[in-house]
Amino acid sequence: MTARIDRRSILAGAGALLAAPTAGLGQQPWPQGRVLKLVVPFPPAGATDVLARLVADKLGRTWGTNIVVENRPGAGGNIGTDAVAKAEPTGDTFLIVSVGMATNQYLYQKLTYDPARDLAPITMVAMVPNLLVVNKTVPANNVAELIAYAKANPGKLTYGSSGIGTSVHLCGELFQKLTGTKMVHVPYRGTAQATQDLIGGRIDLIFDNIPQALPHVRAGSIRGFGITTAKRSPTAPEFAPIADTVPGFDVSSWFALFAPAKTPPAVIAKIQADTKAGIADPAVRAKMDALAAEPVGNSPDELGAFLQAEMKRWGDLIKEVGLKVE
């Protein structure tokens, strides 16, 4: 009898260790003593990377641990996202993504992960509006005149983007749908070259990131016609929302944290709570303001619901337009 009790105790203890990815929490609570990894599925220096480093630095100092930011770019963010989807769900690896989390399943023929099944939402870090900017030679002075010109000259205007399926591109597709216009899409590898070509007159317009476009607008090199969100941006308050002219037009670039599915809920709750507190810190907020990034910090459930809505919204548009990444 004693032997049987001992055997059960041993098995129970082993099972508890196997079942607890954060075993030893009593002595050293997660994440103390660990090196964490925040994966950015895009190259360095872009908006996703900059926000990731702000978050990693703030959380690392809050927790007294090291958070390594690892860039794993490729395939529109799919390579890095897949790596995190397949990582051990211990809380030691998490991910920052953008709109591709909602759109890539419609743009790519086959994904090696399921965004809804294989990844757990943590929190939205920030939302960033874009700015409709236009070359100085385009014969229009505002959004209404631009629409009128585009309708009178179908297929004549060209608009640049940072690549197929990016928020910059989807702004253009939604604009055409809601206004009944037809423009020619010119994709680039990022907005920097697209902005230079806009200044040089090689394309007519772009729904550009505010930090990229605003200095050129204020220098007089290009013109700003409107913000892509439903309300004005504190960073560029002089520009009215495009929605004032085009009802229903409301697009933001967004950046959110996800973890592998089955990551312990307590770990996700801690990352969410400390991220929310971190992005409210005045020093962090000042750096985000420079990116025109509005801190969010919503709950995992709220982020999950937002993702489902984005999948529906952009999935319908992508299928209607017939967008595909070859």
C-alpha atoms as a PDB file:
ATOM      1  CA  MET A   1       0.000   0.000   0.000  1.00  0.00           C
ATOM      2  CA  THR A   2       2.816   2.369   0.937  1.00  0.00           C
ATOM      3  CA  ALA A   3       4.629   1.600  -2.297  1.00  0.00           C
ATOM      4  CA  ARG A   4       1.462   2.321  -4.281  1.00  0.00           C
ATOM      5  CA  ILE A   5       0.978   5.679  -2.548  1.00  0.00           C
ATOM      6  CA  ASP A   6       4.605   6.629  -3.195  1.00  0.00           C
ATOM      7  CA  ARG A   7       4.286   5.669  -6.858  1.00  0.00           C
ATOM      8  CA  ARG A   8       1.164   7.770  -7.228  1.00  0.00           C
ATOM      9  CA  SER A   9       2.880  10.693  -5.555  1.00  0.00           C
ATOM     10  CA  ILE A  10       5.826  10.408  -7.905  1.00  0.00           C
ATOM     11  CA  LEU A  11       3.578  10.219 -10.970  1.00  0.00           C
ATOM     12  CA  ALA A  12       1.486  13.148  -9.769  1.00  0.00           C
ATOM     13  CA  GLY A  13       4.581  15.220  -9.183  1.00  0.00           C
ATOM     14  CA  ALA A  14       5.969  14.410 -12.617  1.00  0.00           C
ATOM     15  CA  GLY A  15       2.634  15.216 -14.220  1.00  0.00           C
ATOM     16  CA  ALA A  16       2.522  18.564 -12.473  1.00  0.00           C
ATOM     17  CA  LEU A  17       5.966  19.439 -13.762  1.00  0.00           C
ATOM     18  CA  LEU A  18       5.059  18.475 -17.313  1.00  0.00           C
ATOM     19  CA  ALA A  19       1.789  20.376 -17.161  1.00  0.00           C
ATOM     20  CA  ALA A  20       3.355  23.586 -15.901  1.00  0.00           C
ATOM     21  CA  PRO A  21       5.381  25.496 -18.488  1.00  0.00           C
ATOM     22  CA  THR A  22       6.308  27.924 -15.737  1.00  0.00           C
ATOM     23  CA  ALA A  23       7.369  25.277 -13.220  1.00  0.00           C
ATOM     24  CA  GLY A  24       9.134  26.765 -10.249  1.00  0.00           C
ATOM     25  CA  LEU A  25       6.943  29.859 -10.165  1.00  0.00           C
ATOM     26  CA  GLY A  26       7.022  29.697  -6.381  1.00  0.00           C
ATOM     27  CA  GLN A  27      10.731  30.439  -6.287  1.00  0.00           C
ATOM     28  CA  GLN A  28      11.128  32.507  -9.434  1.00  0.00           C
ATOM     29  CA  PRO A  29       7.962  33.926 -11.010  1.00  0.00           C
ATOM     30  CA  TRP A  30       7.792  34.278 -14.769  1.00  0.00           C
ATOM     31  CA  PRO A  31       9.647  35.953 -16.438  1.00  0.00           C
ATOM     32  CA  GLN A  32      12.481  36.293 -13.910  1.00  0.00           C
ATOM     33  CA  GLY A  33      15.634  34.455 -14.886  1.00  0.00           C
ATOM     34  CA  ARG A  34      14.528  34.015 -18.493  1.00  0.00           C
ATOM     35  CA  VAL A  35      15.682  35.511 -21.784  1.00  0.00           C
ATOM     36  CA  LEU A  36      12.568  36.365 -23.777  1.00  0.00           C
ATOM     37  CA  LYS A  37      12.232  36.850 -27.510  1.00  0.00           C
ATOM     38  CA  LEU A  38       9.970  39.288 -29.364  1.00  0.00           C
ATOM     39  CA  VAL A  39       9.837  38.345 -33.039  1.00  0.00           C
ATOM     40  CA  VAL A  40       9.367  41.037 -35.688  1.00  0.00           C
ATOM     41  CA  PRO A  41       8.409  39.423 -39.020  1.00  0.00           C
ATOM     42  CA  PHE A  42       9.742  42.422 -40.965  1.00  0.00           C
ATOM     43  CA  PRO A  43      13.158  44.037 -41.560  1.00  0.00           C
ATOM     44  CA  PRO A  44      14.726  46.450 -39.064  1.00  0.00           C
ATOM     45  CA  ALA A  45      13.923  50.181 -38.996  1.00  0.00           C
ATOM     46  CA  GLY A  46      10.281  49.954 -40.122  1.00  0.00           C
ATOM     47  CA  ALA A  47       7.359  51.030 -37.933  1.00  0.00           C
ATOM     48  CA  THR A  48       6.760  47.484 -36.641  1.00  0.00           C
ATOM     49  CA  ASP A  49      10.411  47.133 -35.653  1.00  0.00           C
ATOM     50  CA  VAL A  50      10.578  50.544 -33.964  1.00  0.00           C
ATOM     51  CA  LEU A  51       7.451  49.851 -31.904  1.00  0.00           C
ATOM     52  CA  ALA A  52       8.729  46.367 -31.028  1.00  0.00           C
ATOM     53  CA  ARG A  53      11.949  47.818 -29.638  1.00  0.00           C
ATOM     54  CA  LEU A  54      10.045  50.391 -27.588  1.00  0.00           C
ATOM     55  CA  VAL A  55       7.874  47.639 -26.093  1.00  0.00           C
ATOM     56  CA  ALA A  56      10.799  45.256 -25.518  1.00  0.00           C
ATOM     57  CA  ASP A  57      12.872  47.933 -23.816  1.00  0.00           C
ATOM     58  CA  LYS A  58      10.049  49.033 -21.531  1.00  0.00           C
ATOM     59  CA  LEU A  59       8.949  45.498 -20.585  1.00  0.00           C
ATOM     60  CA  GLY A  60      12.549  44.391 -20.095  1.00  0.00           C
ATOM     61  CA  ARG A  61      13.161  47.226 -17.634  1.00  0.00           C
ATOM     62  CA  THR A  62       9.827  46.603 -15.901  1.00  0.00           C
ATOM     63  CA  TRP A  63      10.527  42.901 -15.469  1.00  0.00           C
ATOM     64  CA  GLY A  64      14.275  43.127 -14.907  1.00  0.00           C
ATOM     65  CA  THR A  65      14.947  40.682 -17.712  1.00  0.00           C
ATOM     66  CA  ASN A  66      16.371  40.685 -21.216  1.00  0.00           C
ATOM     67  CA  ILE A  67      14.021  40.726 -24.207  1.00  0.00           C
ATOM     68  CA  VAL A  68      15.739  40.056 -27.519  1.00  0.00           C
ATOM     69  CA  VAL A  69      14.097  41.577 -30.592  1.00  0.00           C
ATOM     70  CA  GLU A  70      14.571  39.151 -33.463  1.00  0.00           C
ATOM     71  CA  ASN A  71      13.827  40.232 -37.040  1.00  0.00           C
ATOM     72  CA  ARG A  72      12.622  37.309 -39.186  1.00  0.00           C
ATOM     73  CA  PRO A  73      11.360  38.962 -42.381  1.00  0.00           C
ATOM     74  CA  GLY A  74      10.001  37.376 -45.522  1.00  0.00           C
ATOM     75  CA  ALA A  75       6.800  36.406 -47.331  1.00  0.00           C
ATOM     76  CA  GLY A  76       4.824  39.385 -46.095  1.00  0.00           C
ATOM     77  CA  GLY A  77       5.486  38.515 -42.459  1.00  0.00           C
ATOM     78  CA  ASN A  78       4.618  34.834 -42.800  1.00  0.00           C
ATOM     79  CA  ILE A  79       8.091  33.470 -41.980  1.00  0.00           C
ATOM     80  CA  GLY A  80       8.381  35.129 -38.584  1.00  0.00           C
ATOM     81  CA  THR A  81       4.720  34.556 -37.755  1.00  0.00           C
ATOM     82  CA  ASP A  82       5.013  30.849 -38.559  1.00  0.00           C
ATOM     83  CA  ALA A  83       8.089  30.557 -36.317  1.00  0.00           C
ATOM     84  CA  VAL A  84       6.169  31.942 -33.344  1.00  0.00           C
ATOM     85  CA  ALA A  85       3.081  29.850 -34.119  1.00  0.00           C
ATOM     86  CA  LYS A  86       5.291  26.753 -33.823  1.00  0.00           C
ATOM     87  CA  ALA A  87       7.247  27.920 -30.744  1.00  0.00           C
ATOM     88  CA  GLU A  88       6.800  26.350 -27.315  1.00  0.00           C
ATOM     89  CA  PRO A  89       3.892  28.075 -25.510  1.00  0.00           C
ATOM     90  CA  THR A  90       5.905  29.008 -22.425  1.00  0.00           C
ATOM     91  CA  GLY A  91       5.564  32.781 -22.754  1.00  0.00           C
ATOM     92  CA  ASP A  92       9.226  33.137 -23.643  1.00  0.00           C
ATOM     93  CA  THR A  93       8.504  33.879 -27.327  1.00  0.00           C
ATOM     94  CA  PHE A  94       5.944  36.311 -28.623  1.00  0.00           C
ATOM     95  CA  LEU A  95       5.234  38.291 -31.775  1.00  0.00           C
ATOM     96  CA  ILE A  96       4.358  41.766 -33.005  1.00  0.00           C
ATOM     97  CA  VAL A  97       2.344  41.874 -36.223  1.00  0.00           C
ATOM     98  CA  SER A  98       0.334  44.250 -38.383  1.00  0.00           C
ATOM     99  CA  VAL A  99      -2.557  43.934 -40.837  1.00  0.00           C
ATOM    100  CA  GLY A 100      -0.978  40.902 -42.549  1.00  0.00           C
ATOM    101  CA  MET A 101      -2.219  38.849 -39.603  1.00  0.00           C
ATOM    102  CA  ALA A 102      -5.717  39.447 -40.980  1.00  0.00           C
ATOM    103  CA  THR A 103      -5.010  39.503 -44.717  1.00  0.00           C
ATOM    104  CA  ASN A 104      -2.269  36.998 -45.552  1.00  0.00           C
ATOM    105  CA  GLN A 105      -4.594  34.001 -45.498  1.00  0.00           C
ATOM    106  CA  TYR A 106      -6.425  35.596 -48.443  1.00  0.00           C
ATOM    107  CA  LEU A 107      -3.352  36.877 -50.287  1.00  0.00           C
ATOM    108  CA  TYR A 108      -1.176  33.758 -50.185  1.00  0.00           C
ATOM    109  CA  GLN A 109      -2.146  30.451 -51.734  1.00  0.00           C
ATOM    110  CA  LYS A 110      -1.194  28.483 -48.641  1.00  0.00           C
ATOM    111  CA  LEU A 111      -0.211  29.427 -45.109  1.00  0.00           C
ATOM    112  CA  THR A 112       1.734  27.084 -42.845  1.00  0.00           C
ATOM    113  CA  TYR A 113      -0.137  28.379 -39.796  1.00  0.00           C
ATOM    114  CA  ASP A 114      -3.718  29.284 -38.900  1.00  0.00           C
ATOM    115  CA  PRO A 115      -3.818  32.835 -37.485  1.00  0.00           C
ATOM    116  CA  ALA A 116      -6.968  32.146 -35.459  1.00  0.00           C
ATOM    117  CA  ARG A 117      -6.013  28.678 -34.188  1.00  0.00           C
ATOM    118  CA  ASP A 118      -2.232  28.791 -33.737  1.00  0.00           C
ATOM    119  CA  LEU A 119      -1.748  32.200 -32.121  1.00  0.00           C
ATOM    120  CA  ALA A 120      -3.228  33.787 -29.004  1.00  0.00           C
ATOM    121  CA  PRO A 121      -4.012  37.522 -28.932  1.00  0.00           C
ATOM    122  CA  ILE A 122      -2.346  39.586 -26.202  1.00  0.00           C
ATOM    123  CA  THR A 123      -2.951  43.292 -26.853  1.00  0.00           C
ATOM    124  CA  MET A 124      -2.958  46.012 -29.480  1.00  0.00           C
ATOM    125  CA  VAL A 125       0.123  48.188 -29.023  1.00  0.00           C
ATOM    126  CA  ALA A 126      -0.847  51.072 -31.296  1.00  0.00           C
ATOM    127  CA  MET A 127      -2.838  52.302 -34.266  1.00  0.00           C
ATOM    128  CA  VAL A 128      -1.350  54.711 -36.814  1.00  0.00           C
ATOM    129  CA  PRO A 129      -3.288  56.713 -39.411  1.00  0.00           C
ATOM    130  CA  ASN A 130      -1.994  57.209 -42.920  1.00  0.00           C
ATOM    131  CA  LEU A 131      -2.078  60.435 -44.909  1.00  0.00           C
ATOM    132  CA  LEU A 132      -3.291  60.791 -48.490  1.00  0.00           C
ATOM    133  CA  VAL A 133      -0.507  62.714 -50.220  1.00  0.00           C
ATOM    134  CA  VAL A 134      -0.523  63.881 -53.821  1.00  0.00           C
ATOM    135  CA  ASN A 135       2.054  65.085 -56.325  1.00  0.00           C
ATOM    136  CA  LYS A 136       1.959  68.841 -56.924  1.00  0.00           C
ATOM    137  CA  THR A 137       1.065  68.446 -60.614  1.00  0.00           C
ATOM    138  CA  VAL A 138      -2.168  66.496 -60.046  1.00  0.00           C
ATOM    139  CA  PRO A 139      -5.021  68.860 -61.049  1.00  0.00           C
ATOM    140  CA  ALA A 140      -6.928  68.702 -57.761  1.00  0.00           C
ATOM    141  CA  ASN A 141      -6.824  70.651 -54.512  1.00  0.00           C
ATOM    142  CA  ASN A 142      -8.758  68.387 -52.165  1.00  0.00           C
ATOM    143  CA  VAL A 143     -10.289  64.923 -51.857  1.00  0.00           C
ATOM    144  CA  ALA A 144     -13.514  65.861 -53.672  1.00  0.00           C
ATOM    145  CA  GLU A 145     -11.626  67.296 -56.640  1.00  0.00           C
ATOM    146  CA  LEU A 146      -9.320  64.272 -56.713  1.00  0.00           C
ATOM    147  CA  ILE A 147     -12.334  61.960 -56.923  1.00  0.00           C
ATOM    148  CA  ALA A 148     -13.880  64.049 -59.694  1.00  0.00           C
ATOM    149  CA  TYR A 149     -10.630  63.974 -61.674  1.00  0.00           C
ATOM    150  CA  ALA A 150     -10.210  60.224 -61.175  1.00  0.00           C
ATOM    151  CA  LYS A 151     -13.769  59.584 -62.354  1.00  0.00           C
ATOM    152  CA  ALA A 152     -13.239  61.722 -65.436  1.00  0.00           C
ATOM    153  CA  ASN A 153      -9.922  59.983 -66.179  1.00  0.00           C
ATOM    154  CA  PRO A 154     -10.262  56.288 -65.238  1.00  0.00           C
ATOM    155  CA  GLY A 155      -6.935  54.465 -65.067  1.00  0.00           C
ATOM    156  CA  LYS A 156      -4.860  57.626 -65.445  1.00  0.00           C
ATOM    157  CA  LEU A 157      -3.880  58.212 -61.816  1.00  0.00           C
ATOM    158  CA  THR A 158      -1.226  55.969 -60.262  1.00  0.00           C
ATOM    159  CA  TYR A 159      -0.927  55.258 -56.556  1.00  0.00           C
ATOM    160  CA  GLY A 160       2.062  53.746 -54.805  1.00  0.00           C
ATOM    161  CA  SER A 161       2.168  51.407 -51.834  1.00  0.00           C
ATOM    162  CA  SER A 162       4.613  49.588 -49.588  1.00  0.00           C
ATOM    163  CA  GLY A 163       3.605  46.266 -51.159  1.00  0.00           C
ATOM    164  CA  ILE A 164       0.597  44.149 -52.042  1.00  0.00           C
ATOM    165  CA  GLY A 165      -1.776  43.691 -49.119  1.00  0.00           C
ATOM    166  CA  THR A 166      -0.210  46.312 -46.850  1.00  0.00           C
ATOM    167  CA  SER A 167      -2.426  48.896 -45.174  1.00  0.00           C
ATOM    168  CA  VAL A 168      -1.034  51.507 -47.575  1.00  0.00           C
ATOM    169  CA  HIS A 169      -2.219  49.382 -50.508  1.00  0.00           C
ATOM    170  CA  LEU A 170      -5.564  48.475 -48.954  1.00  0.00           C
ATOM    171  CA  CYS A 171      -6.282  52.175 -48.408  1.00  0.00           C
ATOM    172  CA  GLY A 172      -6.076  52.638 -52.171  1.00  0.00           C
ATOM    173  CA  GLU A 173      -8.301  49.662 -52.921  1.00  0.00           C
ATOM    174  CA  LEU A 174     -10.947  50.754 -50.416  1.00  0.00           C
ATOM    175  CA  PHE A 175     -10.814  54.326 -51.722  1.00  0.00           C
ATOM    176  CA  GLN A 176     -11.500  53.112 -55.257  1.00  0.00           C
ATOM    177  CA  LYS A 177     -14.360  50.892 -54.115  1.00  0.00           C
ATOM    178  CA  LEU A 178     -16.099  53.592 -52.079  1.00  0.00           C
ATOM    179  CA  THR A 179     -15.639  56.338 -54.681  1.00  0.00           C
ATOM    180  CA  GLY A 180     -16.245  54.329 -57.845  1.00  0.00           C
ATOM    181  CA  THR A 181     -12.876  55.326 -59.278  1.00  0.00           C
ATOM    182  CA  LYS A 182     -10.161  53.351 -61.051  1.00  0.00           C
ATOM    183  CA  MET A 183      -6.458  53.956 -60.450  1.00  0.00           C
ATOM    184  CA  VAL A 184      -3.306  51.978 -61.240  1.00  0.00           C
ATOM    185  CA  HIS A 185      -1.471  50.376 -58.314  1.00  0.00           C
ATOM    186  CA  VAL A 186       2.340  50.593 -58.245  1.00  0.00           C
ATOM    187  CA  PRO A 187       3.765  48.428 -55.416  1.00  0.00           C
ATOM    188  CA  TYR A 188       7.168  49.155 -53.854  1.00  0.00           C
ATOM    189  CA  ARG A 189       9.335  47.439 -51.253  1.00  0.00           C
ATOM    190  CA  GLY A 190       8.448  49.938 -48.544  1.00  0.00           C
ATOM    191  CA  THR A 191       7.193  53.502 -48.661  1.00  0.00           C
ATOM    192  CA  ALA A 192      10.558  55.302 -48.720  1.00  0.00           C
ATOM    193  CA  GLN A 193      11.118  54.783 -52.462  1.00  0.00           C
ATOM    194  CA  ALA A 194       7.434  55.325 -53.194  1.00  0.00           C
ATOM    195  CA  THR A 195       7.576  58.701 -51.455  1.00  0.00           C
ATOM    196  CA  GLN A 196      10.644  59.706 -53.449  1.00  0.00           C
ATOM    197  CA  ASP A 197       8.896  58.722 -56.680  1.00  0.00           C
ATOM    198  CA  LEU A 198       5.854  60.727 -55.611  1.00  0.00           C
ATOM    199  CA  ILE A 199       8.025  63.795 -55.077  1.00  0.00           C
ATOM    200  CA  GLY A 200       9.683  63.168 -58.450  1.00  0.00           C
ATOM    201  CA  GLY A 201       6.340  62.852 -60.255  1.00  0.00           C
ATOM    202  CA  ARG A 202       6.682  59.181 -61.216  1.00  0.00           C
ATOM    203  CA  ILE A 203       3.477  58.327 -59.324  1.00  0.00           C
ATOM    204  CA  ASP A 204       0.513  60.561 -58.522  1.00  0.00           C
ATOM    205  CA  LEU A 205      -0.456  59.728 -54.954  1.00  0.00           C
ATOM    206  CA  ILE A 206       0.029  57.431 -51.975  1.00  0.00           C
ATOM    207  CA  PHE A 207      -1.752  56.780 -48.688  1.00  0.00           C
ATOM    208  CA  ASP A 208       1.540  57.132 -46.854  1.00  0.00           C
ATOM    209  CA  ASN A 209       2.661  56.654 -43.272  1.00  0.00           C
ATOM    210  CA  ILE A 210       2.475  60.023 -41.508  1.00  0.00           C
ATOM    211  CA  PRO A 211       6.114  60.086 -40.277  1.00  0.00           C
ATOM    212  CA  GLN A 212       7.293  59.335 -43.823  1.00  0.00           C
ATOM    213  CA  ALA A 213       5.055  61.858 -45.586  1.00  0.00           C
ATOM    214  CA  LEU A 214       4.557  64.773 -43.214  1.00  0.00           C
ATOM    215  CA  PRO A 215       8.027  66.376 -43.445  1.00  0.00           C
ATOM    216  CA  HIS A 216       7.722  66.474 -47.248  1.00  0.00           C
ATOM    217  CA  VAL A 217       4.226  67.972 -47.042  1.00  0.00           C
ATOM    218  CA  ARG A 218       5.347  70.677 -44.647  1.00  0.00           C
ATOM    219  CA  ALA A 219       8.374  71.353 -46.855  1.00  0.00           C
ATOM    220  CA  GLY A 220       6.054  71.887 -49.830  1.00  0.00           C
ATOM    221  CA  SER A 221       7.382  68.952 -51.887  1.00  0.00           C
ATOM    222  CA  ILE A 222       3.997  67.174 -51.967  1.00  0.00           C
ATOM    223  CA  ARG A 223       0.464  67.989 -50.814  1.00  0.00           C
ATOM    224  CA  GLY A 224      -1.589  66.389 -48.059  1.00  0.00           C
ATOM    225  CA  PHE A 225      -5.305  65.907 -48.724  1.00  0.00           C
ATOM    226  CA  GLY A 226      -6.651  63.920 -45.794  1.00  0.00           C
ATOM    227  CA  ILE A 227      -6.160  61.483 -42.912  1.00  0.00           C
ATOM    228  CA  THR A 228      -7.268  57.863 -43.358  1.00  0.00           C
ATOM    229  CA  THR A 229      -8.876  57.569 -39.913  1.00  0.00           C
ATOM    230  CA  ALA A 230     -12.336  58.758 -38.891  1.00  0.00           C
ATOM    231  CA  LYS A 231     -10.912  61.478 -36.642  1.00  0.00           C
ATOM    232  CA  ARG A 232      -8.053  63.943 -36.987  1.00  0.00           C
ATOM    233  CA  SER A 233      -4.561  62.956 -35.910  1.00  0.00           C
ATOM    234  CA  PRO A 234      -2.915  64.960 -33.096  1.00  0.00           C
ATOM    235  CA  THR A 235       0.325  64.672 -35.087  1.00  0.00           C
ATOM    236  CA  ALA A 236      -1.193  66.286 -38.191  1.00  0.00           C
ATOM    237  CA  PRO A 237      -4.341  68.098 -37.009  1.00  0.00           C
ATOM    238  CA  GLU A 238      -4.449  70.325 -40.074  1.00  0.00           C
ATOM    239  CA  PHE A 239      -5.735  67.446 -42.214  1.00  0.00           C
ATOM    240  CA  ALA A 240      -9.414  66.498 -42.128  1.00  0.00           C
ATOM    241  CA  PRO A 241     -10.473  62.850 -42.326  1.00  0.00           C
ATOM    242  CA  ILE A 242     -11.053  61.479 -45.823  1.00  0.00           C
ATOM    243  CA  ALA A 243     -14.290  60.129 -44.327  1.00  0.00           C
ATOM    244  CA  ASP A 244     -15.659  63.693 -44.300  1.00  0.00           C
ATOM    245  CA  THR A 245     -15.839  63.349 -48.093  1.00  0.00           C
ATOM    246  CA  VAL A 246     -15.980  59.553 -48.433  1.00  0.00           C
ATOM    247  CA  PRO A 247     -18.349  58.100 -45.796  1.00  0.00           C
ATOM    248  CA  GLY A 248     -17.171  54.778 -44.408  1.00  0.00           C
ATOM    249  CA  PHE A 249     -13.498  55.343 -45.196  1.00  0.00           C
ATOM    250  CA  ASP A 250     -11.600  54.513 -42.004  1.00  0.00           C
ATOM    251  CA  VAL A 251      -8.249  52.718 -42.153  1.00  0.00           C
ATOM    252  CA  SER A 252      -5.410  52.486 -39.642  1.00  0.00           C
ATOM    253  CA  SER A 253      -2.122  50.699 -39.652  1.00  0.00           C
ATOM    254  CA  TRP A 254      -2.192  48.625 -36.464  1.00  0.00           C
ATOM    255  CA  PHE A 255       0.426  46.767 -34.474  1.00  0.00           C
ATOM    256  CA  ALA A 256      -0.421  44.003 -32.011  1.00  0.00           C
ATOM    257  CA  LEU A 257       1.195  41.352 -29.817  1.00  0.00           C
ATOM    258  CA  PHE A 258       0.419  37.642 -30.143  1.00  0.00           C
ATOM    259  CA  ALA A 259       1.813  34.513 -28.483  1.00  0.00           C
ATOM    260  CA  PRO A 260       1.766  30.835 -29.432  1.00  0.00           C
ATOM    261  CA  ALA A 261      -1.598  29.216 -28.770  1.00  0.00           C
ATOM    262  CA  LYS A 262      -1.824  27.519 -25.349  1.00  0.00           C
ATOM    263  CA  THR A 263       0.484  30.066 -23.741  1.00  0.00           C
ATOM    264  CA  PRO A 264      -0.654  30.174 -20.081  1.00  0.00           C
ATOM    265  CA  PRO A 265      -3.456  32.729 -19.597  1.00  0.00           C
ATOM    266  CA  ALA A 266      -1.642  34.197 -16.579  1.00  0.00           C
ATOM    267  CA  VAL A 267       1.400  34.933 -18.740  1.00  0.00           C
ATOM    268  CA  ILE A 268      -0.719  36.551 -21.453  1.00  0.00           C
ATOM    269  CA  ALA A 269      -2.515  38.623 -18.812  1.00  0.00           C
ATOM    270  CA  LYS A 270       0.810  39.855 -17.409  1.00  0.00           C
ATOM    271  CA  ILE A 271       2.195  40.808 -20.828  1.00  0.00           C
ATOM    272  CA  GLN A 272      -1.049  42.630 -21.638  1.00  0.00           C
ATOM    273  CA  ALA A 273      -1.227  44.527 -18.351  1.00  0.00           C
ATOM    274  CA  ASP A 274       2.424  45.556 -18.353  1.00  0.00           C
ATOM    275  CA  THR A 275       2.345  46.533 -22.032  1.00  0.00           C
ATOM    276  CA  LYS A 276      -0.721  48.697 -21.401  1.00  0.00           C
ATOM    277  CA  ALA A 277       1.039  50.386 -18.489  1.00  0.00           C
ATOM    278  CA  GLY A 278       4.269  50.699 -20.453  1.00  0.00           C
ATOM    279  CA  ILE A 279       2.803  52.471 -23.479  1.00  0.00           C
ATOM    280  CA  ALA A 280       1.087  54.932 -21.128  1.00  0.00           C
ATOM    281  CA  ASP A 281       4.460  55.958 -19.692  1.00  0.00           C
ATOM    282  CA  PRO A 282       5.168  59.591 -20.730  1.00  0.00           C
ATOM    283  CA  ALA A 283       8.648  58.806 -22.060  1.00  0.00           C
ATOM    284  CA  VAL A 284       7.352  55.931 -24.194  1.00  0.00           C
ATOM    285  CA  ARG A 285       4.323  57.978 -25.241  1.00  0.00           C
ATOM    286  CA  ALA A 286       6.582  60.778 -26.490  1.00  0.00           C
ATOM    287  CA  LYS A 287       8.452  58.343 -28.724  1.00  0.00           C
ATOM    288  CA  MET A 288       5.179  56.917 -30.018  1.00  0.00           C
ATOM    289  CA  ASP A 289       3.885  60.419 -30.735  1.00  0.00           C
ATOM    290  CA  ALA A 290       6.850  60.908 -33.065  1.00  0.00           C
ATOM    291  CA  LEU A 291       5.510  57.944 -35.071  1.00  0.00           C
ATOM    292  CA  ALA A 292       1.928  59.300 -34.962  1.00  0.00           C
ATOM    293  CA  ALA A 293       1.153  56.100 -33.049  1.00  0.00           C
ATOM    294  CA  GLU A 294      -1.867  56.120 -30.743  1.00  0.00           C
ATOM    295  CA  PRO A 295      -1.387  53.702 -27.800  1.00  0.00           C
ATOM    296  CA  VAL A 296      -4.193  51.170 -27.310  1.00  0.00           C
ATOM    297  CA  GLY A 297      -3.485  48.379 -24.790  1.00  0.00           C
ATOM    298  CA  ASN A 298      -6.815  46.560 -25.164  1.00  0.00           C
ATOM    299  CA  SER A 299      -7.638  43.137 -23.701  1.00  0.00           C
ATOM    300  CA  PRO A 300      -6.907  39.796 -25.409  1.00  0.00           C
ATOM    301  CA  ASP A 301     -10.631  39.289 -26.033  1.00  0.00           C
ATOM    302  CA  GLU A 302     -10.970  42.753 -27.558  1.00  0.00           C
ATOM    303  CA  LEU A 303      -7.960  42.158 -29.802  1.00  0.00           C
ATOM    304  CA  GLY A 304      -9.358  38.781 -30.853  1.00  0.00           C
ATOM    305  CA  ALA A 305     -12.688  40.360 -31.804  1.00  0.00           C
ATOM    306  CA  PHE A 306     -10.889  43.136 -33.686  1.00  0.00           C
ATOM    307  CA  LEU A 307      -8.847  40.576 -35.629  1.00  0.00           C
ATOM    308  CA  GLN A 308     -11.978  38.685 -36.655  1.00  0.00           C
ATOM    309  CA  ALA A 309     -13.561  41.926 -37.873  1.00  0.00           C
ATOM    310  CA  GLU A 310     -10.417  42.821 -39.849  1.00  0.00           C
ATOM    311  CA  MET A 311     -10.340  39.345 -41.417  1.00  0.00           C
ATOM    312  CA  LYS A 312     -13.933  39.774 -42.552  1.00  0.00           C
ATOM    313  CA  ARG A 313     -13.491  43.338 -43.778  1.00  0.00           C
ATOM    314  CA  TRP A 314     -10.301  42.887 -45.751  1.00  0.00           C
ATOM    315  CA  GLY A 315     -11.008  39.316 -46.788  1.00  0.00           C
ATOM    316  CA  ASP A 316     -14.183  40.437 -48.539  1.00  0.00           C
ATOM    317  CA  LEU A 317     -12.359  43.281 -50.309  1.00  0.00           C
ATOM    318  CA  ILE A 318      -9.379  41.131 -51.320  1.00  0.00           C
ATOM    319  CA  LYS A 319     -11.669  38.485 -52.807  1.00  0.00           C
ATOM    320  CA  GLU A 320     -13.778  41.097 -54.574  1.00  0.00           C
ATOM    321  CA  VAL A 321     -10.738  42.783 -56.132  1.00  0.00           C
ATOM    322  CA  GLY A 322      -8.936  39.488 -56.785  1.00  0.00           C
ATOM    323  CA  LEU A 323      -5.661  40.338 -55.047  1.00  0.00           C
ATOM    324  CA  LYS A 324      -2.993  37.630 -54.855  1.00  0.00           C
ATOM    325  CA  VAL A 325       0.702  37.540 -54.027  1.00  0.00           C
ATOM    326  CA  GLU A 326       2.514  35.466 -56.633  1.00  0.00           C
END
